[in-house]
Amino acid sequence: MDYATVVGFVAASFTVVAFFPQLLKAWRTKSTRDISLGMFSAFCVGVFLWFIYGVVTSNLPVAIANFLTLIQAVIILFLKLKYK
């Protein structure tokens, strides 16, 4: 594995881990009042497109990070709509 791929996987790890506290907080408190529906909707679309880009270009760190981030973001978006 080359240096750039290692850096990509480290960056991917931070990106994925960054959303987990927000997901836990929304799940536990059942409150998403301070989360922007428009921003999170646009974010989900962007992350989905980054995932597709990673798959099409065979960029494993980009594909994996955005797939895992998308799962968390979609759950947060679902909670936003559910607890509205």
PDB file of N, CA and C in Angstrom:
ATOM      1  N   MET A   1       0.858  -1.180   0.000  1.00  0.00           N
ATOM      2  CA  MET A   1       0.000   0.000   0.000  1.00  0.00           C
ATOM      3  C   MET A   1       0.900   1.238   0.000  1.00  0.00           C
ATOM      4  N   ASP A   2       0.616   2.162  -0.891  1.00  0.00           N
ATOM      5  CA  ASP A   2       1.455   3.352  -0.998  1.00  0.00           C
ATOM      6  C   ASP A   2       1.056   4.414   0.030  1.00  0.00           C
ATOM      7  N   TYR A   3       1.906   5.409   0.171  1.00  0.00           N
ATOM      8  CA  TYR A   3       1.735   6.477   1.158  1.00  0.00           C
ATOM      9  C   TYR A   3       0.410   7.221   0.965  1.00  0.00           C
ATOM     10  N   ALA A   4       0.061   7.527  -0.268  1.00  0.00           N
ATOM     11  CA  ALA A   4      -1.171   8.274  -0.537  1.00  0.00           C
ATOM     12  C   ALA A   4      -2.398   7.485  -0.096  1.00  0.00           C
ATOM     13  N   THR A   5      -2.388   6.189  -0.307  1.00  0.00           N
ATOM     14  CA  THR A   5      -3.521   5.354   0.109  1.00  0.00           C
ATOM     15  C   THR A   5      -3.631   5.299   1.630  1.00  0.00           C
ATOM     16  N   VAL A   6      -2.496   5.222   2.311  1.00  0.00           N
ATOM     17  CA  VAL A   6      -2.500   5.225   3.779  1.00  0.00           C
ATOM     18  C   VAL A   6      -3.090   6.536   4.292  1.00  0.00           C
ATOM     19  N   VAL A   7      -2.646   7.652   3.721  1.00  0.00           N
ATOM     20  CA  VAL A   7      -3.188   8.959   4.111  1.00  0.00           C
ATOM     21  C   VAL A   7      -4.695   8.990   3.829  1.00  0.00           C
ATOM     22  N   GLY A   8      -5.106   8.436   2.708  1.00  0.00           N
ATOM     23  CA  GLY A   8      -6.531   8.393   2.370  1.00  0.00           C
ATOM     24  C   GLY A   8      -7.339   7.609   3.389  1.00  0.00           C
ATOM     25  N   PHE A   9      -6.822   6.463   3.819  1.00  0.00           N
ATOM     26  CA  PHE A   9      -7.539   5.669   4.815  1.00  0.00           C
ATOM     27  C   PHE A   9      -7.572   6.350   6.184  1.00  0.00           C
ATOM     28  N   VAL A  10      -6.504   7.047   6.549  1.00  0.00           N
ATOM     29  CA  VAL A  10      -6.502   7.793   7.821  1.00  0.00           C
ATOM     30  C   VAL A  10      -7.527   8.922   7.751  1.00  0.00           C
ATOM     31  N   ALA A  11      -7.533   9.650   6.649  1.00  0.00           N
ATOM     32  CA  ALA A  11      -8.515  10.731   6.473  1.00  0.00           C
ATOM     33  C   ALA A  11      -9.935  10.160   6.488  1.00  0.00           C
ATOM     34  N   ALA A  12     -10.128   9.038   5.829  1.00  0.00           N
ATOM     35  CA  ALA A  12     -11.435   8.391   5.793  1.00  0.00           C
ATOM     36  C   ALA A  12     -11.897   8.013   7.196  1.00  0.00           C
ATOM     37  N   SER A  13     -10.979   7.517   8.002  1.00  0.00           N
ATOM     38  CA  SER A  13     -11.317   7.132   9.378  1.00  0.00           C
ATOM     39  C   SER A  13     -11.820   8.327  10.172  1.00  0.00           C
ATOM     40  N   PHE A  14     -11.137   9.458  10.043  1.00  0.00           N
ATOM     41  CA  PHE A  14     -11.566  10.659  10.765  1.00  0.00           C
ATOM     42  C   PHE A  14     -12.934  11.143  10.274  1.00  0.00           C
ATOM     43  N   THR A  15     -13.164  11.074   8.968  1.00  0.00           N
ATOM     44  CA  THR A  15     -14.439  11.510   8.420  1.00  0.00           C
ATOM     45  C   THR A  15     -15.585  10.651   8.941  1.00  0.00           C
ATOM     46  N   VAL A  16     -15.382   9.359   8.965  1.00  0.00           N
ATOM     47  CA  VAL A  16     -16.431   8.449   9.428  1.00  0.00           C
ATOM     48  C   VAL A  16     -16.690   8.632  10.918  1.00  0.00           C
ATOM     49  N   VAL A  17     -15.635   8.705  11.705  1.00  0.00           N
ATOM     50  CA  VAL A  17     -15.760   8.836  13.159  1.00  0.00           C
ATOM     51  C   VAL A  17     -16.391  10.169  13.546  1.00  0.00           C
ATOM     52  N   ALA A  18     -16.188  11.204  12.744  1.00  0.00           N
ATOM     53  CA  ALA A  18     -16.679  12.545  13.071  1.00  0.00           C
ATOM     54  C   ALA A  18     -18.197  12.602  13.199  1.00  0.00           C
ATOM     55  N   PHE A  19     -18.917  11.793  12.454  1.00  0.00           N
ATOM     56  CA  PHE A  19     -20.375  11.842  12.489  1.00  0.00           C
ATOM     57  C   PHE A  19     -20.986  10.983  13.582  1.00  0.00           C
ATOM     58  N   PHE A  20     -20.233  10.075  14.125  1.00  0.00           N
ATOM     59  CA  PHE A  20     -20.782   9.153  15.111  1.00  0.00           C
ATOM     60  C   PHE A  20     -21.325   9.840  16.361  1.00  0.00           C
ATOM     61  N   PRO A  21     -20.618  10.832  16.944  1.00  0.00           N
ATOM     62  CA  PRO A  21     -21.187  11.503  18.131  1.00  0.00           C
ATOM     63  C   PRO A  21     -22.527  12.195  17.846  1.00  0.00           C
ATOM     64  N   GLN A  22     -22.670  12.787  16.661  1.00  0.00           N
ATOM     65  CA  GLN A  22     -23.935  13.442  16.313  1.00  0.00           C
ATOM     66  C   GLN A  22     -25.054  12.411  16.184  1.00  0.00           C
ATOM     67  N   LEU A  23     -24.730  11.295  15.581  1.00  0.00           N
ATOM     68  CA  LEU A  23     -25.698  10.218  15.440  1.00  0.00           C
ATOM     69  C   LEU A  23     -26.143   9.708  16.805  1.00  0.00           C
ATOM     70  N   LEU A  24     -25.196   9.457  17.698  1.00  0.00           N
ATOM     71  CA  LEU A  24     -25.539   8.991  19.044  1.00  0.00           C
ATOM     72  C   LEU A  24     -26.386  10.005  19.798  1.00  0.00           C
ATOM     73  N   LYS A  25     -26.018  11.275  19.686  1.00  0.00           N
ATOM     74  CA  LYS A  25     -26.764  12.316  20.400  1.00  0.00           C
ATOM     75  C   LYS A  25     -28.205  12.398  19.891  1.00  0.00           C
ATOM     76  N   ALA A  26     -28.369  12.382  18.587  1.00  0.00           N
ATOM     77  CA  ALA A  26     -29.717  12.442  18.015  1.00  0.00           C
ATOM     78  C   ALA A  26     -30.531  11.212  18.409  1.00  0.00           C
ATOM     79  N   TRP A  27     -29.892  10.059  18.419  1.00  0.00           N
ATOM     80  CA  TRP A  27     -30.574   8.805  18.771  1.00  0.00           C
ATOM     81  C   TRP A  27     -31.004   8.809  20.244  1.00  0.00           C
ATOM     82  N   ARG A  28     -30.074   9.216  21.116  1.00  0.00           N
ATOM     83  CA  ARG A  28     -30.352   9.173  22.566  1.00  0.00           C
ATOM     84  C   ARG A  28     -31.348  10.229  23.008  1.00  0.00           C
ATOM     85  N   THR A  29     -31.189  11.465  22.499  1.00  0.00           N
ATOM     86  CA  THR A  29     -32.034  12.569  22.960  1.00  0.00           C
ATOM     87  C   THR A  29     -33.341  12.684  22.186  1.00  0.00           C
ATOM     88  N   LYS A  30     -33.395  12.017  21.036  1.00  0.00           N
ATOM     89  CA  LYS A  30     -34.551  12.128  20.148  1.00  0.00           C
ATOM     90  C   LYS A  30     -34.809  13.585  19.772  1.00  0.00           C
ATOM     91  N   SER A  31     -33.729  14.350  19.703  1.00  0.00           N
ATOM     92  CA  SER A  31     -33.829  15.756  19.330  1.00  0.00           C
ATOM     93  C   SER A  31     -32.874  16.048  18.177  1.00  0.00           C
ATOM     94  N   THR A  32     -33.425  16.613  17.117  1.00  0.00           N
ATOM     95  CA  THR A  32     -32.621  17.026  15.971  1.00  0.00           C
ATOM     96  C   THR A  32     -32.953  18.466  15.592  1.00  0.00           C
ATOM     97  N   ARG A  33     -33.462  19.197  16.545  1.00  0.00           N
ATOM     98  CA  ARG A  33     -33.921  20.564  16.309  1.00  0.00           C
ATOM     99  C   ARG A  33     -32.851  21.452  15.701  1.00  0.00           C
ATOM    100  N   ASP A  34     -31.618  21.299  16.125  1.00  0.00           N
ATOM    101  CA  ASP A  34     -30.549  22.180  15.668  1.00  0.00           C
ATOM    102  C   ASP A  34     -29.858  21.688  14.392  1.00  0.00           C
ATOM    103  N   ILE A  35     -30.368  20.633  13.790  1.00  0.00           N
ATOM    104  CA  ILE A  35     -29.802  20.118  12.544  1.00  0.00           C
ATOM    105  C   ILE A  35     -30.621  20.662  11.385  1.00  0.00           C
ATOM    106  N   SER A  36     -29.956  21.270  10.423  1.00  0.00           N
ATOM    107  CA  SER A  36     -30.620  21.845   9.262  1.00  0.00           C
ATOM    108  C   SER A  36     -31.026  20.742   8.283  1.00  0.00           C
ATOM    109  N   LEU A  37     -32.311  20.674   7.988  1.00  0.00           N
ATOM    110  CA  LEU A  37     -32.814  19.677   7.049  1.00  0.00           C
ATOM    111  C   LEU A  37     -32.229  19.902   5.655  1.00  0.00           C
ATOM    112  N   GLY A  38     -32.193  21.151   5.221  1.00  0.00           N
ATOM    113  CA  GLY A  38     -31.646  21.464   3.900  1.00  0.00           C
ATOM    114  C   GLY A  38     -30.176  21.112   3.783  1.00  0.00           C
ATOM    115  N   MET A  39     -29.404  21.476   4.786  1.00  0.00           N
ATOM    116  CA  MET A  39     -27.972  21.183   4.764  1.00  0.00           C
ATOM    117  C   MET A  39     -27.722  19.691   4.779  1.00  0.00           C
ATOM    118  N   PHE A  40     -28.427  18.964   5.634  1.00  0.00           N
ATOM    119  CA  PHE A  40     -28.192  17.524   5.732  1.00  0.00           C
ATOM    120  C   PHE A  40     -28.670  16.789   4.488  1.00  0.00           C
ATOM    121  N   SER A  41     -29.738  17.266   3.872  1.00  0.00           N
ATOM    122  CA  SER A  41     -30.199  16.671   2.619  1.00  0.00           C
ATOM    123  C   SER A  41     -29.151  16.861   1.527  1.00  0.00           C
ATOM    124  N   ALA A  42     -28.652  18.075   1.384  1.00  0.00           N
ATOM    125  CA  ALA A  42     -27.616  18.359   0.390  1.00  0.00           C
ATOM    126  C   ALA A  42     -26.346  17.572   0.696  1.00  0.00           C
ATOM    127  N   PHE A  43     -26.020  17.460   1.966  1.00  0.00           N
ATOM    128  CA  PHE A  43     -24.828  16.712   2.370  1.00  0.00           C
ATOM    129  C   PHE A  43     -24.952  15.245   1.959  1.00  0.00           C
ATOM    130  N   CYS A  44     -26.123  14.652   2.188  1.00  0.00           N
ATOM    131  CA  CYS A  44     -26.339  13.248   1.809  1.00  0.00           C
ATOM    132  C   CYS A  44     -26.168  13.048   0.305  1.00  0.00           C
ATOM    133  N   VAL A  45     -26.694  13.958  -0.484  1.00  0.00           N
ATOM    134  CA  VAL A  45     -26.530  13.860  -1.937  1.00  0.00           C
ATOM    135  C   VAL A  45     -25.052  13.964  -2.302  1.00  0.00           C
ATOM    136  N   GLY A  46     -24.352  14.930  -1.708  1.00  0.00           N
ATOM    137  CA  GLY A  46     -22.929  15.090  -1.986  1.00  0.00           C
ATOM    138  C   GLY A  46     -22.107  13.875  -1.594  1.00  0.00           C
ATOM    139  N   VAL A  47     -22.373  13.317  -0.440  1.00  0.00           N
ATOM    140  CA  VAL A  47     -21.642  12.134   0.018  1.00  0.00           C
ATOM    141  C   VAL A  47     -21.953  10.937  -0.875  1.00  0.00           C
ATOM    142  N   PHE A  48     -23.194  10.812  -1.304  1.00  0.00           N
ATOM    143  CA  PHE A  48     -23.550   9.738  -2.233  1.00  0.00           C
ATOM    144  C   PHE A  48     -22.765   9.874  -3.537  1.00  0.00           C
ATOM    145  N   LEU A  49     -22.691  11.097  -4.051  1.00  0.00           N
ATOM    146  CA  LEU A  49     -21.945  11.315  -5.295  1.00  0.00           C
ATOM    147  C   LEU A  49     -20.449  11.047  -5.105  1.00  0.00           C
ATOM    148  N   TRP A  50     -19.886  11.420  -3.948  1.00  0.00           N
ATOM    149  CA  TRP A  50     -18.483  11.088  -3.661  1.00  0.00           C
ATOM    150  C   TRP A  50     -18.283   9.578  -3.594  1.00  0.00           C
ATOM    151  N   PHE A  51     -19.252   8.866  -3.034  1.00  0.00           N
ATOM    152  CA  PHE A  51     -19.185   7.404  -2.996  1.00  0.00           C
ATOM    153  C   PHE A  51     -19.151   6.841  -4.422  1.00  0.00           C
ATOM    154  N   ILE A  52     -20.056   7.323  -5.281  1.00  0.00           N
ATOM    155  CA  ILE A  52     -20.082   6.878  -6.680  1.00  0.00           C
ATOM    156  C   ILE A  52     -18.747   7.194  -7.348  1.00  0.00           C
ATOM    157  N   TYR A  53     -18.226   8.386  -7.112  1.00  0.00           N
ATOM    158  CA  TYR A  53     -16.930   8.769  -7.671  1.00  0.00           C
ATOM    159  C   TYR A  53     -15.844   7.789  -7.223  1.00  0.00           C
ATOM    160  N   GLY A  54     -15.825   7.455  -5.956  1.00  0.00           N
ATOM    161  CA  GLY A  54     -14.835   6.521  -5.433  1.00  0.00           C
ATOM    162  C   GLY A  54     -14.936   5.154  -6.078  1.00  0.00           C
ATOM    163  N   VAL A  55     -16.165   4.702  -6.317  1.00  0.00           N
ATOM    164  CA  VAL A  55     -16.372   3.404  -6.962  1.00  0.00           C
ATOM    165  C   VAL A  55     -15.915   3.456  -8.424  1.00  0.00           C
ATOM    166  N   VAL A  56     -16.342   4.497  -9.138  1.00  0.00           N
ATOM    167  CA  VAL A  56     -16.028   4.608 -10.565  1.00  0.00           C
ATOM    168  C   VAL A  56     -14.524   4.751 -10.804  1.00  0.00           C
ATOM    169  N   THR A  57     -13.850   5.468  -9.916  1.00  0.00           N
ATOM    170  CA  THR A  57     -12.407   5.674 -10.084  1.00  0.00           C
ATOM    171  C   THR A  57     -11.578   4.623  -9.353  1.00  0.00           C
ATOM    172  N   SER A  58     -12.240   3.647  -8.754  1.00  0.00           N
ATOM    173  CA  SER A  58     -11.567   2.591  -7.981  1.00  0.00           C
ATOM    174  C   SER A  58     -10.705   3.162  -6.859  1.00  0.00           C
ATOM    175  N   ASN A  59     -11.182   4.235  -6.243  1.00  0.00           N
ATOM    176  CA  ASN A  59     -10.480   4.859  -5.127  1.00  0.00           C
ATOM    177  C   ASN A  59     -11.104   4.325  -3.838  1.00  0.00           C
ATOM    178  N   LEU A  60     -10.496   3.286  -3.301  1.00  0.00           N
ATOM    179  CA  LEU A  60     -11.061   2.580  -2.149  1.00  0.00           C
ATOM    180  C   LEU A  60     -11.257   3.474  -0.926  1.00  0.00           C
ATOM    181  N   PRO A  61     -10.272   4.298  -0.527  1.00  0.00           N
ATOM    182  CA  PRO A  61     -10.513   5.155   0.649  1.00  0.00           C
ATOM    183  C   PRO A  61     -11.704   6.092   0.466  1.00  0.00           C
ATOM    184  N   VAL A  62     -11.842   6.683  -0.699  1.00  0.00           N
ATOM    185  CA  VAL A  62     -12.956   7.598  -0.960  1.00  0.00           C
ATOM    186  C   VAL A  62     -14.281   6.834  -0.944  1.00  0.00           C
ATOM    187  N   ALA A  63     -14.321   5.684  -1.590  1.00  0.00           N
ATOM    188  CA  ALA A  63     -15.556   4.897  -1.646  1.00  0.00           C
ATOM    189  C   ALA A  63     -15.987   4.432  -0.257  1.00  0.00           C
ATOM    190  N   ILE A  64     -15.055   3.861   0.496  1.00  0.00           N
ATOM    191  CA  ILE A  64     -15.394   3.326   1.822  1.00  0.00           C
ATOM    192  C   ILE A  64     -15.807   4.439   2.776  1.00  0.00           C
ATOM    193  N   ALA A  65     -15.024   5.510   2.825  1.00  0.00           N
ATOM    194  CA  ALA A  65     -15.332   6.610   3.742  1.00  0.00           C
ATOM    195  C   ALA A  65     -16.695   7.208   3.449  1.00  0.00           C
ATOM    196  N   ASN A  66     -16.986   7.426   2.188  1.00  0.00           N
ATOM    197  CA  ASN A  66     -18.251   8.054   1.853  1.00  0.00           C
ATOM    198  C   ASN A  66     -19.425   7.103   2.003  1.00  0.00           C
ATOM    199  N   PHE A  67     -19.217   5.828   1.801  1.00  0.00           N
ATOM    200  CA  PHE A  67     -20.289   4.851   2.046  1.00  0.00           C
ATOM    201  C   PHE A  67     -20.645   4.825   3.535  1.00  0.00           C
ATOM    202  N   LEU A  68     -19.637   4.743   4.393  1.00  0.00           N
ATOM    203  CA  LEU A  68     -19.894   4.691   5.835  1.00  0.00           C
ATOM    204  C   LEU A  68     -20.456   6.011   6.359  1.00  0.00           C
ATOM    205  N   THR A  69     -19.950   7.117   5.832  1.00  0.00           N
ATOM    206  CA  THR A  69     -20.476   8.425   6.228  1.00  0.00           C
ATOM    207  C   THR A  69     -21.916   8.580   5.748  1.00  0.00           C
ATOM    208  N   LEU A  70     -22.202   8.098   4.548  1.00  0.00           N
ATOM    209  CA  LEU A  70     -23.562   8.183   4.007  1.00  0.00           C
ATOM    210  C   LEU A  70     -24.545   7.419   4.890  1.00  0.00           C
ATOM    211  N   ILE A  71     -24.170   6.249   5.341  1.00  0.00           N
ATOM    212  CA  ILE A  71     -25.055   5.476   6.223  1.00  0.00           C
ATOM    213  C   ILE A  71     -25.400   6.294   7.465  1.00  0.00           C
ATOM    214  N   GLN A  72     -24.384   6.878   8.096  1.00  0.00           N
ATOM    215  CA  GLN A  72     -24.631   7.675   9.297  1.00  0.00           C
ATOM    216  C   GLN A  72     -25.474   8.910   8.983  1.00  0.00           C
ATOM    217  N   ALA A  73     -25.149   9.587   7.889  1.00  0.00           N
ATOM    218  CA  ALA A  73     -25.875  10.805   7.529  1.00  0.00           C
ATOM    219  C   ALA A  73     -27.329  10.511   7.198  1.00  0.00           C
ATOM    220  N   VAL A  74     -27.594   9.407   6.521  1.00  0.00           N
ATOM    221  CA  VAL A  74     -28.974   9.047   6.191  1.00  0.00           C
ATOM    222  C   VAL A  74     -29.754   8.706   7.464  1.00  0.00           C
ATOM    223  N   ILE A  75     -29.111   8.046   8.410  1.00  0.00           N
ATOM    224  CA  ILE A  75     -29.784   7.753   9.687  1.00  0.00           C
ATOM    225  C   ILE A  75     -30.104   9.053  10.411  1.00  0.00           C
ATOM    226  N   ILE A  76     -29.158   9.986  10.448  1.00  0.00           N
ATOM    227  CA  ILE A  76     -29.403  11.285  11.090  1.00  0.00           C
ATOM    228  C   ILE A  76     -30.530  12.015  10.363  1.00  0.00           C
ATOM    229  N   LEU A  77     -30.528  11.984   9.033  1.00  0.00           N
ATOM    230  CA  LEU A  77     -31.588  12.625   8.256  1.00  0.00           C
ATOM    231  C   LEU A  77     -32.944  11.967   8.562  1.00  0.00           C
ATOM    232  N   PHE A  78     -32.972  10.653   8.652  1.00  0.00           N
ATOM    233  CA  PHE A  78     -34.201   9.935   9.021  1.00  0.00           C
ATOM    234  C   PHE A  78     -34.682  10.381  10.405  1.00  0.00           C
ATOM    235  N   LEU A  79     -33.751  10.473  11.360  1.00  0.00           N
ATOM    236  CA  LEU A  79     -34.118  10.909  12.714  1.00  0.00           C
ATOM    237  C   LEU A  79     -34.625  12.343  12.691  1.00  0.00           C
ATOM    238  N   LYS A  80     -34.030  13.174  11.850  1.00  0.00           N
ATOM    239  CA  LYS A  80     -34.481  14.572  11.703  1.00  0.00           C
ATOM    240  C   LYS A  80     -35.938  14.597  11.255  1.00  0.00           C
ATOM    241  N   LEU A  81     -36.263  13.780  10.281  1.00  0.00           N
ATOM    242  CA  LEU A  81     -37.642  13.742   9.780  1.00  0.00           C
ATOM    243  C   LEU A  81     -38.584  13.094  10.789  1.00  0.00           C
ATOM    244  N   LYS A  82     -38.113  12.082  11.481  1.00  0.00           N
ATOM    245  CA  LYS A  82     -38.946  11.367  12.458  1.00  0.00           C
ATOM    246  C   LYS A  82     -39.263  12.236  13.678  1.00  0.00           C
ATOM    247  N   TYR A  83     -38.279  12.952  14.193  1.00  0.00           N
ATOM    248  CA  TYR A  83     -38.465  13.725  15.429  1.00  0.00           C
ATOM    249  C   TYR A  83     -38.833  15.173  15.181  1.00  0.00           C
ATOM    250  N   LYS A  84     -39.217  15.501  13.971  1.00  0.00           N
ATOM    251  CA  LYS A  84     -39.558  16.878  13.619  1.00  0.00           C
ATOM    252  C   LYS A  84     -40.750  17.401  14.369  1.00  0.00           C
TER     253      LYS A  84
END
